[in-house]
Amino acid sequence: MSKIPKKRSYFCGWYVKQQNASDVVAFIPAFHVNEKGQEAASLQVITEDFAASFDYSINELSFDKKRFFVRVGDNIFSENYCSVKIKENGYDIEGTLRYVRFTKPNYDVMGPFRLLPLECRHFVLSLTHQVWGELLVNGRKIAFENSRGYVEGDLGRSFPENYIWTQVLFDNNSIFAAVADVPVFNKSITGIAAIILYRHKQYRFATYLGARIEHLTSKSVYIRQGNMSLYIERQDFRGKNLLAPKNGSMERIVHECPSCTVRYCFAIKDEIVFDIISELASYEYNLTS
């Protein structure tokens, strides 16, 4: 198993999402090293009803750099399955889910930006995969039968100060999109990253591919790149408080809605490929300027 990097102000977290016809449940295992070099691990759980964070010692964490495998406490997350057992602070969450056929991006979502000294690097491990099994969440059974999942992650020092992130699964398709202020060499640029998996074909928007923002608010974003465009509009928001890294410490509060109503419109050569509204879209934003 891999060792924690010998760095201060450092974090790494994985976002493991599963969705059936009416429910979204996401797990966020992570480790973090603050400015004093103190190491810790955590596991956050977010559902439509609540968001909760559970703390672990660094000795209760192990992970593999070569493949997706993370263990924190009695909880395991991997490319083949996840197993969760939490009984703490009034929460009782238990179950095992089986994952089938991770669909990976064609190449690193960061592209050449992965070589730059960024405060946060993003990675996507599965755009979509099958999910089978069930979770028992505070006495409520949530069944996943031929359901869908998504896995991504972040590593670095801190989340961006200003950003919008969204992800949705519909049928066997998937959309991930993020727009963020990215500090590079004492300057700030607008980082754009989006991957659309539609009918087994991947379409990518990225700053390094010439993507640009035509419109941006906390509720909507319009991206153009060559002959492609992507319009995203949040129509409601029931955000939950999540902990996010700042200089390696999980002390920042951000707000995510695991399942809200969002419209996604994707066009090529001004012809609409799809225009959908999902009530199970995940959406997170923090815009201070």
Protein backbone atom coordinates (compact mmCIF):
# COMPACT_ATOMS: atom_id res chain seq x y z
CA MET A 1 0.00 0.00 0.00
CA SER A 2 1.12 3.56 -0.69
CA LYS A 3 2.48 5.94 1.91
CA ILE A 4 1.27 9.47 2.60
CA PRO A 5 3.50 11.98 0.73
CA LYS A 6 6.02 13.72 2.99
CA LYS A 7 4.45 17.13 2.42
CA ARG A 8 2.71 19.72 4.53
CA SER A 9 -0.48 21.43 3.43
CA TYR A 10 -1.51 18.45 1.34
CA PHE A 11 -4.69 16.46 0.74
CA CYS A 12 -6.12 13.74 -1.46
CA GLY A 13 -9.78 12.79 -1.64
CA TRP A 14 -11.97 10.50 -3.73
CA TYR A 15 -15.62 11.18 -4.61
CA VAL A 16 -17.57 7.91 -4.96
CA LYS A 17 -21.15 8.40 -6.17
CA GLN A 18 -23.97 5.93 -6.73
CA GLN A 19 -27.40 6.69 -8.12
CA ASN A 20 -30.60 4.73 -8.62
CA ALA A 21 -33.94 5.95 -9.98
CA SER A 22 -34.64 8.15 -6.96
CA ASP A 23 -31.60 8.34 -4.67
CA VAL A 24 -28.03 9.59 -4.75
CA VAL A 25 -25.46 8.57 -2.13
CA ALA A 26 -21.85 9.76 -2.25
CA PHE A 27 -18.85 8.81 -0.11
CA ILE A 28 -15.71 10.96 0.17
CA PRO A 29 -12.74 9.16 1.76
CA ALA A 30 -9.72 11.42 2.17
CA PHE A 31 -6.43 12.06 3.91
CA HIS A 32 -4.98 15.45 4.76
CA VAL A 33 -1.79 16.93 6.18
CA ASN A 34 -1.99 20.40 7.72
CA GLU A 35 0.67 23.13 7.85
CA LYS A 36 2.06 21.66 11.08
CA GLY A 37 2.57 18.28 9.44
CA GLN A 38 -0.28 16.66 11.39
CA GLU A 39 -1.87 13.79 9.44
CA ALA A 40 -5.49 12.64 9.57
CA ALA A 41 -8.09 10.76 7.55
CA SER A 42 -11.81 11.27 7.11
CA LEU A 43 -14.91 9.90 5.44
CA GLN A 44 -17.82 12.13 4.44
CA VAL A 45 -21.24 10.80 3.48
CA ILE A 46 -23.76 12.90 1.59
CA THR A 47 -27.36 12.02 0.74
CA GLU A 48 -30.51 13.96 -0.02
CA ASP A 49 -31.28 13.93 3.74
CA PHE A 50 -27.93 14.74 5.35
CA ALA A 51 -24.18 15.27 5.07
CA ALA A 52 -21.94 13.86 7.79
CA SER A 53 -18.19 13.68 8.39
CA PHE A 54 -16.34 10.97 10.34
CA ASP A 55 -12.75 11.30 11.57
CA TYR A 56 -10.09 8.57 11.58
CA SER A 57 -6.45 8.35 12.54
CA ILE A 58 -3.93 8.15 9.73
CA ASN A 59 -3.13 4.59 10.84
CA GLU A 60 -6.66 3.60 9.83
CA LEU A 61 -6.04 4.66 6.23
CA SER A 62 -4.41 2.78 3.37
CA PHE A 63 -4.57 3.30 -0.38
CA ASP A 64 -2.96 2.15 -3.61
CA LYS A 65 -1.44 4.59 -6.13
CA LYS A 66 -1.49 2.08 -8.98
CA ARG A 67 -5.17 1.18 -8.77
CA PHE A 68 -8.27 2.54 -7.12
CA PHE A 69 -8.29 1.09 -3.61
CA VAL A 70 -8.88 3.11 -0.45
CA ARG A 71 -9.51 1.82 3.05
CA VAL A 72 -10.45 4.13 5.90
CA GLY A 73 -11.51 2.48 9.14
CA ASP A 74 -13.85 -0.42 8.31
CA ASN A 75 -14.77 1.13 4.95
CA ILE A 76 -13.30 0.01 1.62
CA PHE A 77 -13.63 1.64 -1.81
CA SER A 78 -12.26 0.07 -4.99
CA GLU A 79 -12.90 -0.43 -8.69
CA ASN A 80 -14.78 -3.65 -7.97
CA TYR A 81 -16.81 -2.82 -4.87
CA CYS A 82 -17.33 -0.64 -1.83
CA SER A 83 -18.08 -1.85 1.69
CA VAL A 84 -19.29 0.60 4.31
CA LYS A 85 -19.81 0.17 8.04
CA ILE A 86 -20.35 3.31 10.12
CA LYS A 87 -21.98 3.46 13.55
CA GLU A 88 -21.07 6.80 15.07
CA ASN A 89 -22.64 10.06 16.25
CA GLY A 90 -26.15 8.72 15.77
CA TYR A 91 -25.51 7.48 12.22
CA ASP A 92 -25.89 3.85 11.19
CA ILE A 93 -24.71 3.25 7.61
CA GLU A 94 -23.87 -0.21 6.36
CA GLY A 95 -23.80 -2.17 3.12
CA THR A 96 -21.83 -3.52 0.19
CA LEU A 97 -22.08 -2.42 -3.43
CA ARG A 98 -20.57 -4.18 -6.43
CA TYR A 99 -19.16 -2.12 -9.31
CA VAL A 100 -18.99 -3.39 -12.90
CA ARG A 101 -17.05 -1.94 -15.86
CA PHE A 102 -15.48 1.39 -14.96
CA THR A 103 -15.61 3.73 -17.98
CA LYS A 104 -12.40 5.76 -17.86
CA PRO A 105 -11.68 9.04 -19.67
CA ASN A 106 -9.74 8.70 -22.90
CA TYR A 107 -6.85 10.52 -21.20
CA ASP A 108 -6.03 12.56 -18.08
CA VAL A 109 -8.70 15.22 -17.52
CA MET A 110 -5.96 17.76 -16.67
CA GLY A 111 -4.16 17.26 -19.98
CA PRO A 112 -0.88 19.23 -20.10
CA PHE A 113 -2.00 21.22 -17.03
CA ARG A 114 -1.00 18.22 -14.92
CA LEU A 115 2.62 19.38 -15.38
CA LEU A 116 1.98 22.81 -13.82
CA PRO A 117 2.43 23.62 -10.09
CA LEU A 118 -1.30 23.82 -9.31
CA GLU A 119 -2.88 24.05 -5.87
CA CYS A 120 -5.43 21.40 -6.86
CA ARG A 121 -5.37 18.64 -9.46
CA HIS A 122 -8.52 16.86 -10.56
CA PHE A 123 -8.84 13.28 -11.80
CA VAL A 124 -11.72 11.13 -13.02
CA LEU A 125 -11.58 7.36 -12.47
CA SER A 126 -14.96 6.34 -13.88
CA LEU A 127 -17.39 8.37 -15.94
CA THR A 128 -19.99 5.69 -15.31
CA HIS A 129 -20.28 2.05 -14.25
CA GLN A 130 -22.93 -0.38 -13.05
CA VAL A 131 -23.79 -0.53 -9.35
CA TRP A 132 -25.40 -3.54 -7.66
CA GLY A 133 -26.25 -4.06 -3.99
CA GLU A 134 -27.90 -2.19 -1.17
CA LEU A 135 -27.16 0.23 1.63
CA LEU A 136 -28.93 0.50 4.96
CA VAL A 137 -28.87 4.17 5.92
CA ASN A 138 -30.27 4.92 9.38
CA GLY A 139 -32.78 2.08 9.03
CA ARG A 140 -33.75 2.89 5.44
CA LYS A 141 -32.85 0.40 2.72
CA ILE A 142 -31.57 1.91 -0.52
CA ALA A 143 -31.34 -0.71 -3.27
CA PHE A 144 -29.10 -0.38 -6.33
CA GLU A 145 -30.05 -2.81 -9.09
CA ASN A 146 -28.37 -2.14 -12.42
CA SER A 147 -27.87 1.40 -11.15
CA ARG A 148 -25.09 3.79 -12.12
CA GLY A 149 -21.99 5.17 -10.43
CA TYR A 150 -19.24 7.77 -10.89
CA VAL A 151 -15.79 8.21 -9.28
CA GLU A 152 -13.46 11.22 -9.32
CA GLY A 153 -10.94 12.84 -7.00
CA ASP A 154 -8.74 15.81 -6.13
CA LEU A 155 -5.28 16.23 -4.68
CA GLY A 156 -3.07 19.17 -3.80
CA ARG A 157 -3.16 21.89 -1.15
CA SER A 158 -6.52 23.68 -1.39
CA PHE A 159 -9.77 23.76 -3.32
CA PRO A 160 -10.08 26.74 -5.69
CA GLU A 161 -11.58 29.87 -4.15
CA ASN A 162 -14.13 30.26 -6.95
CA TYR A 163 -15.59 27.32 -8.79
CA ILE A 164 -18.66 25.52 -10.12
CA TRP A 165 -18.82 21.73 -10.35
CA THR A 166 -21.60 19.48 -11.52
CA GLN A 167 -22.09 15.83 -12.42
CA VAL A 168 -25.08 13.86 -13.70
CA LEU A 169 -25.81 10.29 -14.76
CA PHE A 170 -28.68 9.60 -17.14
CA ASP A 171 -29.34 6.26 -18.81
CA ASN A 172 -25.83 5.00 -19.63
CA ASN A 173 -24.58 8.54 -20.19
CA SER A 174 -22.57 10.88 -17.96
CA ILE A 175 -21.66 14.56 -17.74
CA PHE A 176 -18.94 16.06 -15.59
CA ALA A 177 -18.14 19.78 -15.74
CA ALA A 178 -16.05 22.17 -13.66
CA VAL A 179 -15.08 25.83 -14.00
CA ALA A 180 -12.61 27.32 -11.52
CA ASP A 181 -10.21 30.18 -10.91
CA VAL A 182 -6.78 28.54 -11.11
CA PRO A 183 -3.74 30.35 -9.69
CA VAL A 184 -0.64 29.66 -11.79
CA PHE A 185 2.71 31.47 -11.40
CA ASN A 186 1.15 34.32 -9.33
CA LYS A 187 -1.60 34.79 -11.90
CA SER A 188 -5.14 33.46 -12.12
CA ILE A 189 -6.66 31.80 -15.16
CA THR A 190 -10.10 30.32 -15.74
CA GLY A 191 -9.78 26.56 -15.77
CA ILE A 192 -12.44 24.65 -17.70
CA ALA A 193 -12.81 20.88 -17.68
CA ALA A 194 -15.81 18.91 -18.89
CA ILE A 195 -16.35 15.42 -20.26
CA ILE A 196 -19.59 14.27 -21.84
CA LEU A 197 -20.08 10.54 -22.32
CA TYR A 198 -23.03 10.14 -24.66
CA ARG A 199 -23.95 6.98 -26.53
CA HIS A 200 -20.52 5.48 -25.82
CA LYS A 201 -18.65 8.48 -27.28
CA GLN A 202 -16.64 11.00 -25.26
CA TYR A 203 -16.66 14.75 -25.90
CA ARG A 204 -14.25 17.01 -23.98
CA PHE A 205 -14.15 20.71 -23.18
CA ALA A 206 -10.92 22.06 -21.69
CA THR A 207 -8.97 25.28 -21.39
CA TYR A 208 -6.02 23.57 -23.09
CA LEU A 209 -8.31 22.70 -26.04
CA GLY A 210 -9.52 26.28 -26.49
CA ALA A 211 -12.71 26.20 -24.39
CA ARG A 212 -14.00 29.59 -23.25
CA ILE A 213 -16.75 30.86 -20.97
CA GLU A 214 -19.51 32.83 -22.69
CA HIS A 215 -21.63 33.24 -19.56
CA LEU A 216 -21.14 32.42 -15.87
CA THR A 217 -23.24 32.87 -12.72
CA SER A 218 -23.81 30.68 -9.67
CA LYS A 219 -26.86 29.26 -11.43
CA SER A 220 -25.65 28.77 -14.99
CA VAL A 221 -22.63 28.45 -17.22
CA TYR A 222 -22.29 28.48 -21.01
CA ILE A 223 -19.14 26.99 -22.54
CA ARG A 224 -18.04 27.05 -26.16
CA GLN A 225 -15.18 25.23 -27.84
CA GLY A 226 -14.83 25.13 -31.60
CA ASN A 227 -18.16 23.92 -33.00
CA MET A 228 -19.34 22.51 -29.64
CA SER A 229 -21.28 24.21 -26.85
CA LEU A 230 -22.52 23.18 -23.41
CA TYR A 231 -25.15 25.07 -21.43
CA ILE A 232 -25.80 24.17 -17.78
CA GLU A 233 -28.54 25.74 -15.67
CA ARG A 234 -29.29 24.90 -12.05
CA GLN A 235 -33.02 25.18 -11.39
CA ASP A 236 -33.05 24.48 -7.65
CA PHE A 237 -30.51 23.95 -4.88
CA ARG A 238 -30.82 22.18 -1.55
CA GLY A 239 -27.21 22.33 -0.49
CA LYS A 240 -25.56 20.37 2.30
CA ASN A 241 -22.44 21.47 4.19
CA LEU A 242 -19.27 19.61 3.26
CA LEU A 243 -15.74 20.01 4.56
CA ALA A 244 -13.13 20.99 1.97
CA PRO A 245 -9.34 21.42 2.17
CA LYS A 246 -7.58 24.71 2.76
CA ASN A 247 -3.80 24.42 3.06
CA GLY A 248 -4.26 20.74 3.80
CA SER A 249 -6.71 21.22 6.68
CA MET A 250 -10.35 20.21 6.31
CA GLU A 251 -11.59 23.49 7.75
CA ARG A 252 -13.42 25.11 4.86
CA ILE A 253 -17.19 24.74 4.42
CA VAL A 254 -18.58 24.30 0.92
CA HIS A 255 -22.12 23.52 -0.18
CA GLU A 256 -23.15 20.65 -2.40
CA CYS A 257 -26.54 19.42 -3.50
CA PRO A 258 -26.28 15.68 -4.24
CA SER A 259 -29.53 15.62 -6.22
CA CYS A 260 -31.03 18.84 -7.53
CA THR A 261 -32.72 19.84 -10.78
CA VAL A 262 -30.28 20.89 -13.49
CA ARG A 263 -30.66 21.41 -17.23
CA TYR A 264 -27.89 20.31 -19.62
CA CYS A 265 -27.92 21.28 -23.30
CA PHE A 266 -25.14 20.01 -25.58
CA ALA A 267 -24.87 21.13 -29.21
CA ILE A 268 -22.52 20.52 -32.13
CA LYS A 269 -22.53 22.92 -35.09
CA ASP A 270 -25.53 24.65 -33.47
CA GLU A 271 -27.53 21.42 -33.69
CA ILE A 272 -28.76 20.11 -30.32
CA VAL A 273 -27.40 16.67 -29.49
CA PHE A 274 -29.42 16.49 -26.26
CA ASP A 275 -31.31 18.87 -24.00
CA ILE A 276 -32.21 17.20 -20.72
CA ILE A 277 -33.43 18.16 -17.25
CA SER A 278 -32.38 15.84 -14.43
CA GLU A 279 -33.70 15.93 -10.88
CA LEU A 280 -30.77 13.79 -9.70
CA ALA A 281 -27.88 16.04 -10.69
CA SER A 282 -25.07 16.85 -8.27
CA TYR A 283 -24.08 20.51 -8.08
CA GLU A 284 -21.56 22.44 -6.01
CA TYR A 285 -20.43 26.03 -6.23
CA ASN A 286 -18.50 28.72 -4.44
CA LEU A 287 -18.31 32.11 -6.13
CA THR A 288 -16.88 34.95 -4.05
CA SER A 289 -16.39 37.38 -6.90
